[in-house]
Amino acid sequence: MDLPYSLYLPVLVWLAFFCLIGLFFVFYRWAKKRKGAALAIGLFVQMMLPDPKVEHTIEWIAESKEKRLKKQTQSED
């Protein structure tokens, strides 16, 4: 009972896909429960896959902080 290679490959691809979906589901449950492993894995993935818009994000955060500080100083005056 020898199965051909053309059958193995699609089965392995689908199996890998469903295992990856299952892994993401486990990570999602861990993150909802605020487990440390989810944080560590998230930090590791963020470190390996950097944000391509990091400069834009930093500028946006700086602008929002400036707006918030201006509102606070205006409300105090």
N, C-alpha and C. Protein backbone atom coordinates (compact mmCIF):
# COMPACT_ATOMS: atom_id res chain seq x y z
N MET A 1 0.85 -1.18 0.00
CA MET A 1 0.00 0.00 0.00
C MET A 1 0.90 1.25 0.00
N ASP A 2 1.41 1.55 -1.15
CA ASP A 2 2.32 2.67 -1.30
C ASP A 2 1.56 3.84 -1.91
N LEU A 3 1.45 4.94 -1.15
CA LEU A 3 0.75 6.12 -1.63
C LEU A 3 1.70 6.97 -2.47
N PRO A 4 1.22 7.56 -3.54
CA PRO A 4 2.10 8.35 -4.40
C PRO A 4 2.49 9.68 -3.74
N TYR A 5 3.61 10.23 -4.21
CA TYR A 5 4.14 11.49 -3.71
C TYR A 5 3.15 12.63 -3.95
N SER A 6 2.40 12.56 -5.03
CA SER A 6 1.44 13.62 -5.34
C SER A 6 0.31 13.68 -4.32
N LEU A 7 0.14 12.63 -3.52
CA LEU A 7 -0.85 12.65 -2.46
C LEU A 7 -0.24 13.12 -1.14
N TYR A 8 1.03 12.78 -0.90
CA TYR A 8 1.70 13.18 0.33
C TYR A 8 1.80 14.69 0.48
N LEU A 9 2.23 15.35 -0.57
CA LEU A 9 2.50 16.78 -0.49
C LEU A 9 1.27 17.60 -0.10
N PRO A 10 0.13 17.46 -0.78
CA PRO A 10 -1.05 18.26 -0.35
C PRO A 10 -1.50 17.93 1.07
N VAL A 11 -1.41 16.67 1.45
CA VAL A 11 -1.81 16.28 2.81
C VAL A 11 -0.89 16.94 3.83
N LEU A 12 0.41 16.94 3.56
CA LEU A 12 1.35 17.57 4.49
C LEU A 12 1.15 19.08 4.56
N VAL A 13 0.85 19.71 3.43
CA VAL A 13 0.61 21.15 3.43
C VAL A 13 -0.62 21.49 4.26
N TRP A 14 -1.70 20.76 4.07
CA TRP A 14 -2.92 21.01 4.84
C TRP A 14 -2.72 20.70 6.32
N LEU A 15 -1.97 19.65 6.61
CA LEU A 15 -1.69 19.32 8.00
C LEU A 15 -0.88 20.43 8.67
N ALA A 16 0.12 20.95 7.98
CA ALA A 16 0.91 22.06 8.51
C ALA A 16 0.03 23.30 8.71
N PHE A 17 -0.86 23.56 7.78
CA PHE A 17 -1.76 24.71 7.88
C PHE A 17 -2.65 24.60 9.12
N PHE A 18 -3.25 23.44 9.34
CA PHE A 18 -4.13 23.27 10.49
C PHE A 18 -3.34 23.29 11.80
N CYS A 19 -2.12 22.77 11.79
CA CYS A 19 -1.29 22.85 13.00
C CYS A 19 -0.94 24.30 13.32
N LEU A 20 -0.67 25.09 12.31
CA LEU A 20 -0.37 26.50 12.52
C LEU A 20 -1.59 27.25 13.06
N ILE A 21 -2.76 26.96 12.52
CA ILE A 21 -4.00 27.57 13.03
C ILE A 21 -4.21 27.17 14.50
N GLY A 22 -3.98 25.92 14.82
CA GLY A 22 -4.11 25.46 16.20
C GLY A 22 -3.13 26.15 17.13
N LEU A 23 -1.90 26.34 16.66
CA LEU A 23 -0.89 27.04 17.45
C LEU A 23 -1.29 28.48 17.71
N PHE A 24 -1.82 29.15 16.68
CA PHE A 24 -2.29 30.52 16.86
C PHE A 24 -3.45 30.58 17.84
N PHE A 25 -4.33 29.58 17.82
CA PHE A 25 -5.45 29.54 18.75
C PHE A 25 -4.96 29.40 20.19
N VAL A 26 -3.94 28.56 20.39
CA VAL A 26 -3.36 28.38 21.73
C VAL A 26 -2.74 29.69 22.20
N PHE A 27 -2.00 30.37 21.31
CA PHE A 27 -1.40 31.65 21.68
C PHE A 27 -2.48 32.68 22.01
N TYR A 28 -3.58 32.66 21.30
CA TYR A 28 -4.68 33.59 21.55
C TYR A 28 -5.26 33.35 22.95
N ARG A 29 -5.48 32.09 23.30
CA ARG A 29 -6.01 31.78 24.62
C ARG A 29 -5.04 32.20 25.71
N TRP A 30 -3.74 31.97 25.48
CA TRP A 30 -2.74 32.39 26.46
C TRP A 30 -2.74 33.90 26.63
N ALA A 31 -2.87 34.61 25.53
CA ALA A 31 -2.86 36.08 25.60
C ALA A 31 -4.09 36.58 26.35
N LYS A 32 -5.24 35.96 26.16
CA LYS A 32 -6.44 36.38 26.88
C LYS A 32 -6.30 36.14 28.38
N LYS A 33 -5.57 35.09 28.75
CA LYS A 33 -5.35 34.79 30.17
C LYS A 33 -4.14 35.53 30.72
N ARG A 34 -3.47 36.33 29.88
CA ARG A 34 -2.31 37.13 30.26
C ARG A 34 -1.19 36.27 30.83
N LYS A 35 -0.87 35.19 30.14
CA LYS A 35 0.22 34.32 30.56
C LYS A 35 1.55 34.91 30.09
N GLY A 36 2.58 34.64 30.85
CA GLY A 36 3.90 35.16 30.52
C GLY A 36 4.47 34.58 29.24
N ALA A 37 4.11 33.34 28.93
CA ALA A 37 4.63 32.71 27.71
C ALA A 37 4.11 33.45 26.47
N ALA A 38 2.88 33.89 26.50
CA ALA A 38 2.32 34.63 25.37
C ALA A 38 3.06 35.94 25.18
N LEU A 39 3.38 36.62 26.26
CA LEU A 39 4.14 37.87 26.18
C LEU A 39 5.54 37.61 25.62
N ALA A 40 6.19 36.57 26.10
CA ALA A 40 7.54 36.25 25.64
C ALA A 40 7.55 35.90 24.16
N ILE A 41 6.59 35.10 23.73
CA ILE A 41 6.52 34.73 22.32
C ILE A 41 6.20 35.94 21.46
N GLY A 42 5.30 36.79 21.93
CA GLY A 42 4.96 38.00 21.20
C GLY A 42 6.15 38.94 21.06
N LEU A 43 6.92 39.09 22.13
CA LEU A 43 8.11 39.93 22.06
C LEU A 43 9.15 39.34 21.12
N PHE A 44 9.31 38.03 21.14
CA PHE A 44 10.26 37.38 20.25
C PHE A 44 9.85 37.55 18.78
N VAL A 45 8.57 37.38 18.50
CA VAL A 45 8.09 37.54 17.13
C VAL A 45 8.25 39.00 16.69
N GLN A 46 7.96 39.93 17.56
CA GLN A 46 8.11 41.35 17.24
C GLN A 46 9.57 41.69 16.97
N MET A 47 10.48 41.04 17.71
CA MET A 47 11.89 41.28 17.51
C MET A 47 12.37 40.70 16.17
N MET A 48 11.84 39.56 15.79
CA MET A 48 12.26 38.92 14.53
C MET A 48 11.57 39.53 13.31
N LEU A 49 10.35 40.03 13.47
CA LEU A 49 9.61 40.62 12.37
C LEU A 49 9.34 42.09 12.68
N PRO A 50 10.29 42.95 12.41
CA PRO A 50 10.12 44.36 12.80
C PRO A 50 9.02 45.06 12.00
N ASP A 51 8.54 46.13 12.56
CA ASP A 51 7.49 46.93 11.94
C ASP A 51 8.08 47.74 10.79
N PRO A 52 7.56 47.60 9.56
CA PRO A 52 8.13 48.36 8.44
C PRO A 52 7.85 49.85 8.53
N LYS A 53 6.88 50.25 9.34
CA LYS A 53 6.53 51.66 9.48
C LYS A 53 6.95 52.20 10.84
N VAL A 54 8.10 51.75 11.33
CA VAL A 54 8.50 52.11 12.68
C VAL A 54 8.71 53.61 12.81
N GLU A 55 9.28 54.26 11.81
CA GLU A 55 9.50 55.71 11.91
C GLU A 55 8.17 56.46 11.95
N HIS A 56 7.22 56.02 11.14
CA HIS A 56 5.90 56.65 11.13
C HIS A 56 5.22 56.46 12.49
N THR A 57 5.34 55.28 13.06
CA THR A 57 4.72 54.99 14.35
C THR A 57 5.34 55.86 15.45
N ILE A 58 6.66 56.00 15.44
CA ILE A 58 7.33 56.82 16.45
C ILE A 58 6.89 58.28 16.33
N GLU A 59 6.80 58.79 15.10
CA GLU A 59 6.35 60.17 14.90
C GLU A 59 4.92 60.35 15.38
N TRP A 60 4.06 59.38 15.10
CA TRP A 60 2.65 59.46 15.51
C TRP A 60 2.54 59.49 17.03
N ILE A 61 3.32 58.66 17.71
CA ILE A 61 3.29 58.63 19.18
C ILE A 61 3.80 59.95 19.75
N ALA A 62 4.87 60.48 19.17
CA ALA A 62 5.42 61.76 19.65
C ALA A 62 4.40 62.88 19.47
N GLU A 63 3.71 62.91 18.33
CA GLU A 63 2.71 63.95 18.10
C GLU A 63 1.54 63.82 19.07
N SER A 64 1.10 62.59 19.32
CA SER A 64 -0.02 62.41 20.26
C SER A 64 0.38 62.82 21.68
N LYS A 65 1.62 62.58 22.07
CA LYS A 65 2.08 63.01 23.39
C LYS A 65 2.12 64.53 23.48
N GLU A 66 2.59 65.18 22.40
CA GLU A 66 2.63 66.64 22.39
C GLU A 66 1.22 67.22 22.49
N LYS A 67 0.27 66.66 21.77
CA LYS A 67 -1.11 67.15 21.83
C LYS A 67 -1.67 67.00 23.24
N ARG A 68 -1.38 65.86 23.85
CA ARG A 68 -1.88 65.61 25.20
C ARG A 68 -1.27 66.59 26.20
N LEU A 69 0.03 66.85 26.06
CA LEU A 69 0.68 67.81 26.96
C LEU A 69 0.13 69.21 26.76
N LYS A 70 -0.16 69.61 25.51
CA LYS A 70 -0.74 70.92 25.25
C LYS A 70 -2.10 71.04 25.88
N LYS A 71 -2.90 70.00 25.78
CA LYS A 71 -4.23 70.03 26.39
C LYS A 71 -4.14 70.14 27.91
N GLN A 72 -3.18 69.44 28.50
CA GLN A 72 -3.02 69.50 29.94
C GLN A 72 -2.57 70.88 30.40
N THR A 73 -1.64 71.48 29.66
CA THR A 73 -1.17 72.81 30.06
C THR A 73 -2.25 73.85 29.85
N GLN A 74 -3.07 73.70 28.80
CA GLN A 74 -4.16 74.66 28.57
C GLN A 74 -5.24 74.51 29.63
N SER A 75 -5.50 73.31 30.07
CA SER A 75 -6.52 73.10 31.09
C SER A 75 -6.04 73.62 32.45
N GLU A 76 -4.75 73.57 32.70
CA GLU A 76 -4.19 74.06 33.97
C GLU A 76 -4.20 75.58 34.02
N ASP A 77 -4.08 76.25 32.86
CA ASP A 77 -4.03 77.72 32.84
C ASP A 77 -5.37 78.33 33.03
